[in-house]
Amino acid sequence: MDDFVRSVEEKFKKTIESLRKNYAAIRTGRASPALLDHVLVDYYGTKTPLKQLAGISIPEPRTIAITPYDKNSVKDIEKALLTSDLGLPPRVEAGLIRLSMPQPTEERRKELVKLVKKEAEDARVAVRNVRREIMETLKAEKTKGVLSEDQEKTKEAEVQKLVTKFNDEIQKIEQLKEKEVMEV
């Protein structure tokens, strides 16, 4: 029983991790190193993640500072930032690259809230899909005679408790992100 609950819980935790990762990439007007996770730099002919080539820090709430480990890679990093979908022009200052986050407009914040809601709904759908998959597995095991009807009902109840718990967690994460996005 405990292994069953743990395996279900792991699947739901992966959904939550994915949601948090997606939310980290949503630009809210606050600087975050996670905004640069998808930036790939053409470094000596190889596409390399930016975080492997430079130290990334947040010296101010709306500024990202990038300190390349190799000073020769500054131009490559600058080019990668310019061609990325960030929409933030890099400023190079003595081997240090700075990105300044502009204050998002009210309209942009509302668009971001819609995106936050969509990501949360996608996470809920993923939880429902896992639930459906598990319920089908339980029914199949009951049909094969591996589980009794009582065992099936008990496991279904445990799964439903987990679904409720993780849906509540998704809602909390969504509300926090909405608040962060709408913050001026």
N, C-alpha and C. Protein backbone atom coordinates (compact mmCIF):
# COMPACT_ATOMS: atom_id res chain seq x y z
N MET A 1 0.83 -1.20 0.00
CA MET A 1 0.00 0.00 0.00
C MET A 1 0.86 1.26 0.00
N ASP A 2 1.89 1.29 0.87
CA ASP A 2 2.73 2.48 0.98
C ASP A 2 3.49 2.73 -0.32
N ASP A 3 3.96 1.66 -0.98
CA ASP A 3 4.66 1.82 -2.25
C ASP A 3 3.73 2.41 -3.30
N PHE A 4 2.49 1.96 -3.28
CA PHE A 4 1.49 2.46 -4.22
C PHE A 4 1.28 3.95 -4.03
N VAL A 5 1.07 4.38 -2.80
CA VAL A 5 0.84 5.80 -2.49
C VAL A 5 2.07 6.62 -2.87
N ARG A 6 3.25 6.11 -2.54
CA ARG A 6 4.49 6.83 -2.87
C ARG A 6 4.65 7.00 -4.38
N SER A 7 4.35 5.97 -5.15
CA SER A 7 4.51 6.07 -6.60
C SER A 7 3.53 7.07 -7.19
N VAL A 8 2.30 7.10 -6.67
CA VAL A 8 1.30 8.07 -7.14
C VAL A 8 1.75 9.48 -6.76
N GLU A 9 2.21 9.61 -5.53
CA GLU A 9 2.64 10.92 -5.04
C GLU A 9 3.83 11.45 -5.86
N GLU A 10 4.74 10.58 -6.25
CA GLU A 10 5.89 10.99 -7.07
C GLU A 10 5.43 11.56 -8.41
N LYS A 11 4.45 10.92 -9.02
CA LYS A 11 3.94 11.42 -10.29
C LYS A 11 3.34 12.81 -10.12
N PHE A 12 2.60 13.01 -9.04
CA PHE A 12 2.00 14.32 -8.80
C PHE A 12 3.06 15.36 -8.48
N LYS A 13 4.11 14.97 -7.75
CA LYS A 13 5.19 15.90 -7.41
C LYS A 13 5.91 16.38 -8.68
N LYS A 14 6.06 15.49 -9.65
CA LYS A 14 6.69 15.88 -10.91
C LYS A 14 5.86 16.95 -11.62
N THR A 15 4.55 16.84 -11.53
CA THR A 15 3.66 17.85 -12.12
C THR A 15 3.87 19.19 -11.44
N ILE A 16 3.96 19.18 -10.12
CA ILE A 16 4.18 20.42 -9.35
C ILE A 16 5.54 21.03 -9.71
N GLU A 17 6.58 20.20 -9.80
CA GLU A 17 7.91 20.68 -10.18
C GLU A 17 7.88 21.33 -11.56
N SER A 18 7.18 20.72 -12.48
CA SER A 18 7.06 21.25 -13.83
C SER A 18 6.35 22.61 -13.80
N LEU A 19 5.30 22.72 -13.00
CA LEU A 19 4.57 23.98 -12.87
C LEU A 19 5.49 25.07 -12.32
N ARG A 20 6.23 24.76 -11.27
CA ARG A 20 7.15 25.74 -10.68
C ARG A 20 8.21 26.18 -11.70
N LYS A 21 8.71 25.24 -12.47
CA LYS A 21 9.71 25.57 -13.49
C LYS A 21 9.11 26.48 -14.55
N ASN A 22 7.90 26.17 -14.98
CA ASN A 22 7.23 27.01 -15.98
C ASN A 22 6.96 28.41 -15.43
N TYR A 23 6.57 28.48 -14.17
CA TYR A 23 6.31 29.78 -13.54
C TYR A 23 7.60 30.59 -13.40
N ALA A 24 8.70 29.93 -13.16
CA ALA A 24 9.97 30.65 -13.00
C ALA A 24 10.37 31.36 -14.29
N ALA A 25 9.94 30.82 -15.42
CA ALA A 25 10.29 31.41 -16.70
C ALA A 25 9.36 32.56 -17.09
N ILE A 26 8.28 32.76 -16.33
CA ILE A 26 7.37 33.86 -16.64
C ILE A 26 7.96 35.14 -16.06
N ARG A 27 8.19 36.09 -16.92
CA ARG A 27 8.84 37.34 -16.53
C ARG A 27 7.83 38.25 -15.83
N THR A 28 8.10 38.60 -14.59
CA THR A 28 7.15 39.38 -13.80
C THR A 28 7.60 40.81 -13.55
N GLY A 29 8.75 41.19 -14.02
CA GLY A 29 9.27 42.52 -13.70
C GLY A 29 10.33 42.42 -12.62
N ARG A 30 10.39 41.26 -11.98
CA ARG A 30 11.45 40.99 -11.01
C ARG A 30 12.51 40.16 -11.69
N ALA A 31 13.73 40.44 -11.36
CA ALA A 31 14.84 39.68 -11.93
C ALA A 31 14.89 38.29 -11.28
N SER A 32 15.16 37.30 -12.09
CA SER A 32 15.28 35.93 -11.60
C SER A 32 16.27 35.18 -12.48
N PRO A 33 17.21 34.45 -11.89
CA PRO A 33 18.15 33.66 -12.70
C PRO A 33 17.43 32.63 -13.57
N ALA A 34 16.26 32.19 -13.17
CA ALA A 34 15.51 31.18 -13.93
C ALA A 34 15.11 31.69 -15.31
N LEU A 35 15.05 33.00 -15.49
CA LEU A 35 14.71 33.56 -16.80
C LEU A 35 15.73 33.17 -17.86
N LEU A 36 16.95 32.87 -17.41
CA LEU A 36 18.04 32.58 -18.34
C LEU A 36 18.27 31.09 -18.54
N ASP A 37 17.45 30.24 -17.92
CA ASP A 37 17.65 28.79 -17.99
C ASP A 37 17.64 28.25 -19.41
N HIS A 38 16.84 28.84 -20.28
CA HIS A 38 16.73 28.31 -21.64
C HIS A 38 17.67 28.97 -22.65
N VAL A 39 18.50 29.92 -22.20
CA VAL A 39 19.42 30.62 -23.11
C VAL A 39 20.63 29.72 -23.39
N LEU A 40 20.85 29.47 -24.67
CA LEU A 40 21.99 28.66 -25.11
C LEU A 40 22.97 29.55 -25.85
N VAL A 41 24.24 29.42 -25.51
CA VAL A 41 25.29 30.24 -26.10
C VAL A 41 26.11 29.37 -27.05
N ASP A 42 26.38 29.91 -28.24
CA ASP A 42 27.25 29.21 -29.20
C ASP A 42 28.69 29.45 -28.75
N TYR A 43 29.22 28.52 -27.98
CA TYR A 43 30.53 28.65 -27.36
C TYR A 43 31.50 27.69 -28.03
N TYR A 44 32.38 28.22 -28.84
CA TYR A 44 33.32 27.43 -29.63
C TYR A 44 32.62 26.34 -30.43
N GLY A 45 31.52 26.74 -31.06
CA GLY A 45 30.80 25.83 -31.95
C GLY A 45 29.83 24.88 -31.26
N THR A 46 29.69 24.98 -29.96
CA THR A 46 28.79 24.09 -29.22
C THR A 46 27.74 24.91 -28.50
N LYS A 47 26.48 24.51 -28.61
CA LYS A 47 25.41 25.18 -27.88
C LYS A 47 25.52 24.78 -26.41
N THR A 48 25.80 25.77 -25.57
CA THR A 48 26.05 25.53 -24.15
C THR A 48 25.09 26.38 -23.32
N PRO A 49 24.47 25.82 -22.28
CA PRO A 49 23.61 26.62 -21.42
C PRO A 49 24.39 27.77 -20.78
N LEU A 50 23.78 28.94 -20.73
CA LEU A 50 24.43 30.13 -20.19
C LEU A 50 24.93 29.91 -18.77
N LYS A 51 24.14 29.20 -17.96
CA LYS A 51 24.52 29.02 -16.56
C LYS A 51 25.80 28.19 -16.39
N GLN A 52 26.23 27.49 -17.45
CA GLN A 52 27.49 26.76 -17.40
C GLN A 52 28.68 27.63 -17.78
N LEU A 53 28.39 28.79 -18.39
CA LEU A 53 29.46 29.66 -18.86
C LEU A 53 29.67 30.90 -17.99
N ALA A 54 28.72 31.16 -17.09
CA ALA A 54 28.80 32.41 -16.33
C ALA A 54 28.09 32.29 -14.99
N GLY A 55 28.53 33.15 -14.08
CA GLY A 55 27.85 33.28 -12.80
C GLY A 55 26.70 34.26 -12.99
N ILE A 56 25.55 33.93 -12.47
CA ILE A 56 24.37 34.78 -12.62
C ILE A 56 23.95 35.24 -11.23
N SER A 57 23.82 36.56 -11.06
CA SER A 57 23.42 37.10 -9.76
C SER A 57 22.37 38.18 -9.95
N ILE A 58 21.73 38.52 -8.85
CA ILE A 58 20.68 39.54 -8.84
C ILE A 58 21.11 40.64 -7.87
N PRO A 59 21.87 41.64 -8.35
CA PRO A 59 22.34 42.69 -7.44
C PRO A 59 21.24 43.65 -7.00
N GLU A 60 20.20 43.80 -7.82
CA GLU A 60 19.06 44.65 -7.51
C GLU A 60 17.80 43.91 -7.95
N PRO A 61 16.63 44.28 -7.41
CA PRO A 61 15.41 43.55 -7.76
C PRO A 61 15.08 43.49 -9.25
N ARG A 62 15.52 44.46 -10.03
CA ARG A 62 15.20 44.49 -11.45
C ARG A 62 16.43 44.35 -12.35
N THR A 63 17.51 43.82 -11.81
CA THR A 63 18.75 43.70 -12.59
C THR A 63 19.34 42.29 -12.44
N ILE A 64 19.74 41.74 -13.58
CA ILE A 64 20.46 40.47 -13.59
C ILE A 64 21.89 40.77 -14.03
N ALA A 65 22.85 40.30 -13.25
CA ALA A 65 24.26 40.48 -13.59
C ALA A 65 24.83 39.12 -14.01
N ILE A 66 25.49 39.12 -15.15
CA ILE A 66 26.09 37.90 -15.68
C ILE A 66 27.60 38.11 -15.73
N THR A 67 28.32 37.26 -15.02
CA THR A 67 29.78 37.34 -14.98
C THR A 67 30.35 36.10 -15.66
N PRO A 68 30.82 36.25 -16.92
CA PRO A 68 31.37 35.09 -17.64
C PRO A 68 32.62 34.56 -16.95
N TYR A 69 32.75 33.24 -16.91
CA TYR A 69 33.95 32.61 -16.35
C TYR A 69 35.13 32.85 -17.28
N ASP A 70 34.85 32.86 -18.59
CA ASP A 70 35.87 33.10 -19.61
C ASP A 70 35.57 34.46 -20.22
N LYS A 71 36.45 35.43 -20.03
CA LYS A 71 36.22 36.80 -20.52
C LYS A 71 36.09 36.84 -22.05
N ASN A 72 36.64 35.84 -22.74
CA ASN A 72 36.54 35.79 -24.20
C ASN A 72 35.13 35.43 -24.67
N SER A 73 34.28 34.95 -23.77
CA SER A 73 32.94 34.53 -24.17
C SER A 73 31.90 35.65 -24.04
N VAL A 74 32.31 36.85 -23.62
CA VAL A 74 31.36 37.95 -23.43
C VAL A 74 30.55 38.24 -24.68
N LYS A 75 31.22 38.33 -25.83
CA LYS A 75 30.53 38.63 -27.10
C LYS A 75 29.55 37.51 -27.47
N ASP A 76 29.95 36.26 -27.25
CA ASP A 76 29.06 35.13 -27.55
C ASP A 76 27.82 35.17 -26.66
N ILE A 77 28.01 35.48 -25.38
CA ILE A 77 26.88 35.55 -24.45
C ILE A 77 25.97 36.71 -24.84
N GLU A 78 26.57 37.84 -25.16
CA GLU A 78 25.78 39.01 -25.58
C GLU A 78 24.93 38.67 -26.81
N LYS A 79 25.54 38.01 -27.77
CA LYS A 79 24.82 37.62 -29.00
C LYS A 79 23.66 36.67 -28.67
N ALA A 80 23.90 35.71 -27.79
CA ALA A 80 22.86 34.75 -27.41
C ALA A 80 21.70 35.47 -26.72
N LEU A 81 22.01 36.45 -25.87
CA LEU A 81 20.96 37.20 -25.18
C LEU A 81 20.15 38.05 -26.16
N LEU A 82 20.82 38.63 -27.15
CA LEU A 82 20.13 39.45 -28.15
C LEU A 82 19.19 38.61 -29.01
N THR A 83 19.60 37.38 -29.33
CA THR A 83 18.79 36.53 -30.20
C THR A 83 17.76 35.70 -29.43
N SER A 84 17.81 35.73 -28.09
CA SER A 84 16.84 34.97 -27.30
C SER A 84 15.49 35.68 -27.31
N ASP A 85 14.48 35.01 -26.79
CA ASP A 85 13.13 35.59 -26.75
C ASP A 85 12.88 36.42 -25.49
N LEU A 86 13.94 36.77 -24.77
CA LEU A 86 13.80 37.54 -23.53
C LEU A 86 13.31 38.97 -23.78
N GLY A 87 13.78 39.57 -24.85
CA GLY A 87 13.41 40.94 -25.13
C GLY A 87 14.09 41.93 -24.20
N LEU A 88 15.23 41.53 -23.64
CA LEU A 88 15.99 42.40 -22.74
C LEU A 88 17.35 42.70 -23.37
N PRO A 89 17.62 43.95 -23.70
CA PRO A 89 18.91 44.27 -24.30
C PRO A 89 20.03 44.21 -23.26
N PRO A 90 21.10 43.46 -23.55
CA PRO A 90 22.22 43.38 -22.60
C PRO A 90 23.11 44.63 -22.67
N ARG A 91 23.63 45.02 -21.52
CA ARG A 91 24.62 46.10 -21.43
C ARG A 91 25.92 45.48 -20.95
N VAL A 92 26.98 45.65 -21.74
CA VAL A 92 28.28 45.11 -21.37
C VAL A 92 29.09 46.21 -20.70
N GLU A 93 29.58 45.90 -19.50
CA GLU A 93 30.37 46.85 -18.72
C GLU A 93 31.59 46.14 -18.15
N ALA A 94 32.74 46.36 -18.74
CA ALA A 94 34.01 45.80 -18.24
C ALA A 94 33.93 44.30 -17.95
N GLY A 95 33.51 43.53 -18.94
CA GLY A 95 33.46 42.08 -18.78
C GLY A 95 32.25 41.56 -18.03
N LEU A 96 31.37 42.45 -17.61
CA LEU A 96 30.15 42.07 -16.89
C LEU A 96 28.97 42.43 -17.78
N ILE A 97 27.97 41.57 -17.84
CA ILE A 97 26.79 41.82 -18.66
C ILE A 97 25.61 42.06 -17.71
N ARG A 98 24.89 43.15 -17.95
CA ARG A 98 23.73 43.48 -17.13
C ARG A 98 22.47 43.46 -17.98
N LEU A 99 21.41 42.91 -17.40
CA LEU A 99 20.09 42.94 -18.01
C LEU A 99 19.17 43.68 -17.05
N SER A 100 18.51 44.71 -17.54
CA SER A 100 17.58 45.47 -16.70
C SER A 100 16.16 45.09 -17.07
N MET A 101 15.37 44.79 -16.05
CA MET A 101 13.99 44.39 -16.24
C MET A 101 13.10 45.63 -16.21
N PRO A 102 12.38 45.91 -17.30
CA PRO A 102 11.47 47.05 -17.26
C PRO A 102 10.23 46.72 -16.44
N GLN A 103 9.59 47.76 -15.93
CA GLN A 103 8.33 47.58 -15.20
C GLN A 103 7.25 47.18 -16.21
N PRO A 104 6.59 46.03 -16.04
CA PRO A 104 5.56 45.63 -17.01
C PRO A 104 4.34 46.55 -16.90
N THR A 105 3.70 46.79 -18.03
CA THR A 105 2.49 47.61 -18.05
C THR A 105 1.33 46.82 -17.45
N GLU A 106 0.26 47.51 -17.13
CA GLU A 106 -0.94 46.86 -16.59
C GLU A 106 -1.46 45.81 -17.57
N GLU A 107 -1.47 46.17 -18.85
CA GLU A 107 -1.95 45.24 -19.88
C GLU A 107 -1.07 43.98 -19.91
N ARG A 108 0.24 44.17 -19.84
CA ARG A 108 1.17 43.04 -19.87
C ARG A 108 0.99 42.15 -18.63
N ARG A 109 0.77 42.77 -17.48
CA ARG A 109 0.56 41.99 -16.26
C ARG A 109 -0.71 41.15 -16.38
N LYS A 110 -1.76 41.71 -17.00
CA LYS A 110 -3.00 40.94 -17.19
C LYS A 110 -2.78 39.76 -18.13
N GLU A 111 -1.97 39.98 -19.17
CA GLU A 111 -1.62 38.88 -20.09
C GLU A 111 -0.86 37.79 -19.33
N LEU A 112 0.06 38.21 -18.47
CA LEU A 112 0.84 37.24 -17.69
C LEU A 112 -0.05 36.46 -16.73
N VAL A 113 -1.06 37.12 -16.15
CA VAL A 113 -1.99 36.41 -15.26
C VAL A 113 -2.74 35.33 -16.05
N LYS A 114 -3.13 35.64 -17.27
CA LYS A 114 -3.79 34.63 -18.12
C LYS A 114 -2.86 33.45 -18.35
N LEU A 115 -1.58 33.75 -18.59
CA LEU A 115 -0.60 32.69 -18.80
C LEU A 115 -0.43 31.85 -17.52
N VAL A 116 -0.41 32.52 -16.38
CA VAL A 116 -0.30 31.83 -15.08
C VAL A 116 -1.49 30.88 -14.90
N LYS A 117 -2.69 31.37 -15.20
CA LYS A 117 -3.90 30.54 -15.07
C LYS A 117 -3.86 29.35 -16.02
N LYS A 118 -3.36 29.58 -17.25
CA LYS A 118 -3.27 28.49 -18.23
C LYS A 118 -2.29 27.42 -17.74
N GLU A 119 -1.14 27.84 -17.23
CA GLU A 119 -0.15 26.88 -16.72
C GLU A 119 -0.73 26.07 -15.56
N ALA A 120 -1.48 26.74 -14.67
CA ALA A 120 -2.09 26.04 -13.54
C ALA A 120 -3.13 25.04 -14.03
N GLU A 121 -3.91 25.44 -15.02
CA GLU A 121 -4.92 24.52 -15.55
C GLU A 121 -4.25 23.33 -16.23
N ASP A 122 -3.15 23.57 -16.93
CA ASP A 122 -2.40 22.46 -17.54
C ASP A 122 -1.91 21.48 -16.47
N ALA A 123 -1.47 22.01 -15.34
CA ALA A 123 -1.02 21.16 -14.23
C ALA A 123 -2.19 20.35 -13.68
N ARG A 124 -3.36 20.99 -13.55
CA ARG A 124 -4.54 20.26 -13.06
C ARG A 124 -4.94 19.14 -14.03
N VAL A 125 -4.85 19.43 -15.31
CA VAL A 125 -5.16 18.41 -16.33
C VAL A 125 -4.18 17.25 -16.20
N ALA A 126 -2.89 17.57 -15.98
CA ALA A 126 -1.89 16.50 -15.82
C ALA A 126 -2.22 15.65 -14.60
N VAL A 127 -2.65 16.28 -13.51
CA VAL A 127 -3.03 15.52 -12.30
C VAL A 127 -4.23 14.62 -12.61
N ARG A 128 -5.21 15.18 -13.33
CA ARG A 128 -6.39 14.37 -13.68
C ARG A 128 -6.01 13.19 -14.57
N ASN A 129 -5.08 13.43 -15.50
CA ASN A 129 -4.65 12.35 -16.39
C ASN A 129 -3.96 11.23 -15.61
N VAL A 130 -3.12 11.61 -14.66
CA VAL A 130 -2.46 10.61 -13.82
C VAL A 130 -3.51 9.84 -13.02
N ARG A 131 -4.48 10.57 -12.47
CA ARG A 131 -5.56 9.95 -11.70
C ARG A 131 -6.32 8.93 -12.56
N ARG A 132 -6.69 9.35 -13.78
CA ARG A 132 -7.44 8.46 -14.68
C ARG A 132 -6.62 7.20 -14.98
N GLU A 133 -5.34 7.39 -15.27
CA GLU A 133 -4.45 6.28 -15.58
C GLU A 133 -4.38 5.29 -14.40
N ILE A 134 -4.27 5.82 -13.19
CA ILE A 134 -4.17 4.98 -12.00
C ILE A 134 -5.49 4.24 -11.75
N MET A 135 -6.60 4.95 -11.92
CA MET A 135 -7.91 4.31 -11.72
C MET A 135 -8.11 3.16 -12.72
N GLU A 136 -7.68 3.37 -13.96
CA GLU A 136 -7.78 2.30 -14.96
C GLU A 136 -6.91 1.11 -14.57
N THR A 137 -5.72 1.38 -14.03
CA THR A 137 -4.83 0.31 -13.58
C THR A 137 -5.48 -0.47 -12.44
N LEU A 138 -6.09 0.26 -11.50
CA LEU A 138 -6.76 -0.41 -10.37
C LEU A 138 -7.90 -1.30 -10.85
N LYS A 139 -8.68 -0.80 -11.80
CA LYS A 139 -9.79 -1.60 -12.34
C LYS A 139 -9.27 -2.86 -13.02
N ALA A 140 -8.17 -2.70 -13.77
CA ALA A 140 -7.58 -3.85 -14.47
C ALA A 140 -7.08 -4.88 -13.46
N GLU A 141 -6.46 -4.41 -12.37
CA GLU A 141 -5.97 -5.34 -11.35
C GLU A 141 -7.13 -6.05 -10.65
N LYS A 142 -8.24 -5.34 -10.45
CA LYS A 142 -9.42 -5.97 -9.85
C LYS A 142 -9.99 -7.03 -10.79
N THR A 143 -10.03 -6.71 -12.08
CA THR A 143 -10.55 -7.64 -13.07
C THR A 143 -9.69 -8.91 -13.14
N LYS A 144 -8.37 -8.73 -13.02
CA LYS A 144 -7.45 -9.88 -13.05
C LYS A 144 -7.52 -10.70 -11.76
N GLY A 145 -8.12 -10.12 -10.73
CA GLY A 145 -8.20 -10.82 -9.45
C GLY A 145 -7.04 -10.51 -8.52
N VAL A 146 -6.19 -9.56 -8.88
CA VAL A 146 -5.06 -9.19 -8.04
C VAL A 146 -5.55 -8.40 -6.82
N LEU A 147 -6.58 -7.58 -7.02
CA LEU A 147 -7.16 -6.78 -5.93
C LEU A 147 -8.59 -7.19 -5.68
N SER A 148 -8.99 -7.12 -4.43
CA SER A 148 -10.41 -7.32 -4.12
C SER A 148 -11.11 -5.99 -4.34
N GLU A 149 -12.43 -6.01 -4.30
CA GLU A 149 -13.19 -4.78 -4.50
C GLU A 149 -12.92 -3.79 -3.37
N ASP A 150 -12.79 -4.30 -2.13
CA ASP A 150 -12.49 -3.41 -1.00
C ASP A 150 -11.12 -2.75 -1.15
N GLN A 151 -10.13 -3.54 -1.59
CA GLN A 151 -8.79 -2.98 -1.79
C GLN A 151 -8.80 -1.91 -2.88
N GLU A 152 -9.56 -2.19 -3.95
CA GLU A 152 -9.66 -1.22 -5.03
C GLU A 152 -10.27 0.09 -4.52
N LYS A 153 -11.36 -0.01 -3.77
CA LYS A 153 -12.03 1.19 -3.24
C LYS A 153 -11.12 1.96 -2.29
N THR A 154 -10.35 1.24 -1.48
CA THR A 154 -9.42 1.89 -0.54
C THR A 154 -8.35 2.66 -1.30
N LYS A 155 -7.79 2.01 -2.31
CA LYS A 155 -6.75 2.67 -3.10
C LYS A 155 -7.32 3.86 -3.88
N GLU A 156 -8.53 3.71 -4.40
CA GLU A 156 -9.17 4.84 -5.10
C GLU A 156 -9.35 6.02 -4.16
N ALA A 157 -9.74 5.75 -2.93
CA ALA A 157 -9.91 6.83 -1.94
C ALA A 157 -8.57 7.50 -1.64
N GLU A 158 -7.52 6.71 -1.52
CA GLU A 158 -6.18 7.28 -1.27
C GLU A 158 -5.74 8.17 -2.43
N VAL A 159 -6.00 7.69 -3.65
CA VAL A 159 -5.64 8.47 -4.83
C VAL A 159 -6.42 9.78 -4.84
N GLN A 160 -7.70 9.72 -4.52
CA GLN A 160 -8.52 10.93 -4.52
C GLN A 160 -8.03 11.93 -3.48
N LYS A 161 -7.60 11.44 -2.30
CA LYS A 161 -7.04 12.33 -1.28
C LYS A 161 -5.80 13.05 -1.83
N LEU A 162 -4.95 12.29 -2.52
CA LEU A 162 -3.74 12.88 -3.10
C LEU A 162 -4.09 13.90 -4.19
N VAL A 163 -5.08 13.58 -5.01
CA VAL A 163 -5.50 14.50 -6.06
C VAL A 163 -5.97 15.82 -5.44
N THR A 164 -6.77 15.72 -4.40
CA THR A 164 -7.26 16.92 -3.71
C THR A 164 -6.10 17.71 -3.12
N LYS A 165 -5.17 17.01 -2.47
CA LYS A 165 -4.01 17.67 -1.85
C LYS A 165 -3.19 18.42 -2.91
N PHE A 166 -2.91 17.77 -4.03
CA PHE A 166 -2.06 18.39 -5.05
C PHE A 166 -2.80 19.49 -5.82
N ASN A 167 -4.11 19.34 -6.00
CA ASN A 167 -4.87 20.42 -6.63
C ASN A 167 -4.88 21.66 -5.74
N ASP A 168 -4.97 21.45 -4.42
CA ASP A 168 -4.89 22.58 -3.49
C ASP A 168 -3.53 23.25 -3.56
N GLU A 169 -2.48 22.44 -3.67
CA GLU A 169 -1.13 23.00 -3.78
C GLU A 169 -0.97 23.79 -5.07
N ILE A 170 -1.52 23.28 -6.17
CA ILE A 170 -1.47 23.99 -7.44
C ILE A 170 -2.17 25.35 -7.30
N GLN A 171 -3.31 25.34 -6.63
CA GLN A 171 -4.05 26.59 -6.45
C GLN A 171 -3.25 27.60 -5.63
N LYS A 172 -2.58 27.14 -4.58
CA LYS A 172 -1.76 28.05 -3.75
C LYS A 172 -0.62 28.64 -4.57
N ILE A 173 0.06 27.80 -5.34
CA ILE A 173 1.17 28.26 -6.17
C ILE A 173 0.66 29.27 -7.20
N GLU A 174 -0.49 28.96 -7.79
CA GLU A 174 -1.08 29.86 -8.78
C GLU A 174 -1.40 31.23 -8.16
N GLN A 175 -2.00 31.23 -6.98
CA GLN A 175 -2.35 32.49 -6.32
C GLN A 175 -1.10 33.31 -5.99
N LEU A 176 -0.05 32.65 -5.52
CA LEU A 176 1.19 33.36 -5.22
C LEU A 176 1.79 33.99 -6.48
N LYS A 177 1.78 33.24 -7.57
CA LYS A 177 2.35 33.75 -8.81
C LYS A 177 1.51 34.91 -9.35
N GLU A 178 0.18 34.80 -9.26
CA GLU A 178 -0.68 35.89 -9.70
C GLU A 178 -0.40 37.15 -8.91
N LYS A 179 -0.24 37.01 -7.60
CA LYS A 179 0.06 38.15 -6.74
C LYS A 179 1.39 38.77 -7.15
N GLU A 180 2.39 37.92 -7.41
CA GLU A 180 3.70 38.40 -7.82
C GLU A 180 3.63 39.14 -9.16
N VAL A 181 2.85 38.61 -10.10
CA VAL A 181 2.73 39.22 -11.41
C VAL A 181 2.03 40.59 -11.32
N MET A 182 1.01 40.68 -10.50
CA MET A 182 0.22 41.93 -10.43
C MET A 182 0.89 42.99 -9.54
N GLU A 183 1.93 42.61 -8.83
CA GLU A 183 2.64 43.55 -7.97
C GLU A 183 3.30 44.64 -8.80
N VAL A 184 3.10 45.87 -8.38
CA VAL A 184 3.66 47.00 -9.13
C VAL A 184 5.00 47.39 -8.55
